[in-house]
Amino acid sequence: MTDELTVIYNDTCPICAREVAGYRRLTRTHGLDIAFRGLSGGDLARFGLTRRDAARRFHVMKDDVLVSGIPAFALVWERIPRLRWLARTVRLPVVAPVAAALYDHVAAPALFALHRRRERLGKAVPRG
C-alpha cells in the first residue's frame, strides 16, 4: 500500500474549482502529497471514469481504489490538519448517512445540472 491520494474533480465548475483550490493551498501549506486531476485535463480512463462520471461527483483514488462522494471528501479532509475534525464528523454513525444523502441527492445533482447547463451554453471556467 502506497497511501497515494489523487483528487479527481470538475475543474470547469466554479464552485468545485474554488473548493479544490482551497484544498490545494492547504496541502501546499502543510507539505502534503495529494495529487489533483481536473476533468478538463483528460486522462480519466486510467481512473476508470468517463468525463460525465467525473463531472457528476467528487472522486478520490486511494491506493488504486476509487472512492466518491462524502467518503472521498473525508479522505481528503483527514489529511489536512485544519479539516481532520470534519472527516471525523462526517464519519459519525448518525452524521454519515445524513451527509451522504444531502450530497448524493441535493449537492451533487445540483452541481451536475449547473455543469450541464454551462456546457450547453458553451461556458467553461478556465483552469488555474
Protein backbone atom coordinates (compact mmCIF):
# COMPACT_ATOMS: atom_id res chain seq x y z
CA MET A 1 0.00 0.00 0.00
CA THR A 2 1.49 3.33 -1.04
CA ASP A 3 -1.06 5.62 0.59
CA GLU A 4 -1.28 7.76 -2.58
CA LEU A 5 -4.22 10.09 -2.90
CA THR A 6 -5.45 11.68 -6.14
CA VAL A 7 -8.40 14.06 -6.15
CA ILE A 8 -10.46 13.92 -9.35
CA TYR A 9 -12.82 16.86 -9.66
CA ASN A 10 -14.76 19.03 -12.09
CA ASP A 11 -12.42 21.95 -12.67
CA THR A 12 -14.93 23.54 -15.07
CA CYS A 13 -17.36 24.05 -12.17
CA PRO A 14 -16.68 27.38 -10.43
CA ILE A 15 -17.82 26.04 -7.05
CA CYS A 16 -15.84 22.80 -7.33
CA ALA A 17 -12.74 24.57 -8.64
CA ARG A 18 -12.83 27.09 -5.80
CA GLU A 19 -13.20 24.41 -3.15
CA VAL A 20 -10.37 22.32 -4.57
CA ALA A 21 -8.19 25.45 -4.87
CA GLY A 22 -8.60 25.78 -1.11
CA TYR A 23 -7.54 22.16 -0.63
CA ARG A 24 -4.52 22.75 -2.87
CA ARG A 25 -3.46 25.76 -0.80
CA LEU A 26 -3.79 23.78 2.41
CA THR A 27 -1.87 20.81 1.01
CA ARG A 28 0.97 23.13 -0.06
CA THR A 29 0.94 24.89 3.31
CA HIS A 30 1.26 21.57 5.13
CA GLY A 31 3.55 19.89 2.59
CA LEU A 32 1.02 17.13 1.89
CA ASP A 33 1.37 14.76 -1.04
CA ILE A 34 -2.04 14.90 -2.70
CA ALA A 35 -2.36 14.99 -6.49
CA PHE A 36 -5.18 16.83 -8.25
CA ARG A 37 -6.65 15.91 -11.64
CA GLY A 38 -9.26 18.16 -13.19
CA LEU A 39 -11.97 16.97 -15.51
CA SER A 40 -10.64 19.11 -18.34
CA GLY A 41 -7.16 17.63 -18.01
CA GLY A 42 -8.21 14.37 -19.66
CA ASP A 43 -6.55 11.08 -18.65
CA LEU A 44 -9.67 9.99 -16.74
CA ALA A 45 -9.80 6.49 -18.23
CA ARG A 46 -6.87 5.43 -16.07
CA PHE A 47 -9.14 6.09 -13.07
CA GLY A 48 -12.00 4.13 -14.65
CA LEU A 49 -14.03 7.31 -15.19
CA THR A 50 -15.67 8.98 -18.14
CA ARG A 51 -15.91 12.79 -18.31
CA ARG A 52 -19.59 12.51 -17.37
CA ASP A 53 -18.84 10.28 -14.37
CA ALA A 54 -16.12 12.64 -13.20
CA ALA A 55 -18.41 15.67 -13.55
CA ARG A 56 -21.22 14.03 -11.56
CA ARG A 57 -19.36 13.55 -8.27
CA PHE A 58 -16.20 14.30 -6.32
CA HIS A 59 -13.79 11.36 -6.59
CA VAL A 60 -10.58 10.31 -4.90
CA MET A 61 -8.29 7.49 -5.96
CA LYS A 62 -6.56 5.99 -2.95
CA ASP A 63 -4.21 3.06 -3.42
CA ASP A 64 -5.89 2.12 -6.73
CA VAL A 65 -9.37 2.21 -5.19
CA LEU A 66 -11.85 4.80 -6.48
CA VAL A 67 -13.95 6.45 -3.77
CA SER A 68 -16.64 9.06 -4.40
CA GLY A 69 -18.96 11.41 -2.57
CA ILE A 70 -18.70 12.13 1.14
CA PRO A 71 -16.25 9.25 1.78
CA ALA A 72 -13.95 10.83 -0.85
CA PHE A 73 -14.17 14.23 0.83
CA ALA A 74 -13.39 12.58 4.17
CA LEU A 75 -10.23 11.01 2.72
CA VAL A 76 -9.00 14.47 1.73
CA TRP A 77 -10.12 16.16 4.94
CA GLU A 78 -8.42 13.60 7.18
CA ARG A 79 -5.05 14.51 5.60
CA ILE A 80 -5.40 18.25 6.15
CA PRO A 81 -4.77 19.18 9.80
CA ARG A 82 -7.33 22.01 9.84
CA LEU A 83 -10.05 19.74 8.41
CA ARG A 84 -9.50 16.46 10.26
CA TRP A 85 -12.37 17.29 12.60
CA LEU A 86 -14.66 17.44 9.57
CA ALA A 87 -13.56 13.98 8.37
CA ARG A 88 -14.28 12.56 11.82
CA THR A 89 -17.65 14.33 11.96
CA VAL A 90 -18.96 13.05 8.61
CA ARG A 91 -17.96 9.52 9.60
CA LEU A 92 -20.03 9.51 12.79
CA PRO A 93 -22.81 6.90 12.66
CA VAL A 94 -25.61 9.47 12.86
CA VAL A 95 -23.98 12.08 10.60
CA ALA A 96 -22.62 9.80 7.84
CA PRO A 97 -25.97 8.78 6.29
CA VAL A 98 -27.35 12.32 6.52
CA ALA A 99 -24.24 13.87 4.95
CA ALA A 100 -24.20 11.21 2.22
CA ALA A 101 -27.90 11.73 1.46
CA LEU A 102 -27.50 15.51 1.24
CA TYR A 103 -24.51 15.19 -1.07
CA ASP A 104 -25.95 12.36 -3.17
CA HIS A 105 -29.46 13.77 -3.57
CA VAL A 106 -29.00 17.55 -3.31
CA ALA A 107 -25.48 18.93 -3.77
CA ALA A 108 -24.06 16.57 -6.42
CA PRO A 109 -27.17 16.61 -8.66
CA ALA A 110 -27.46 20.40 -8.40
CA LEU A 111 -23.80 20.94 -9.29
CA PHE A 112 -24.05 18.46 -12.16
CA ALA A 113 -27.15 20.22 -13.51
CA LEU A 114 -25.25 23.51 -13.45
CA HIS A 115 -22.34 21.80 -15.23
CA ARG A 116 -24.64 20.52 -17.99
CA ARG A 117 -26.15 23.99 -18.35
CA ARG A 118 -22.69 25.59 -18.65
CA GLU A 119 -21.78 23.01 -21.30
CA ARG A 120 -24.97 23.72 -23.27
CA LEU A 121 -24.25 27.43 -23.14
CA GLY A 122 -20.62 26.86 -24.07
CA LYS A 123 -19.27 28.41 -20.89
CA ALA A 124 -16.36 26.97 -19.00
CA VAL A 125 -14.20 28.16 -16.16
CA PRO A 126 -10.52 28.42 -17.05
CA ARG A 127 -8.28 26.00 -15.23
CA GLY A 128 -5.92 27.53 -12.75
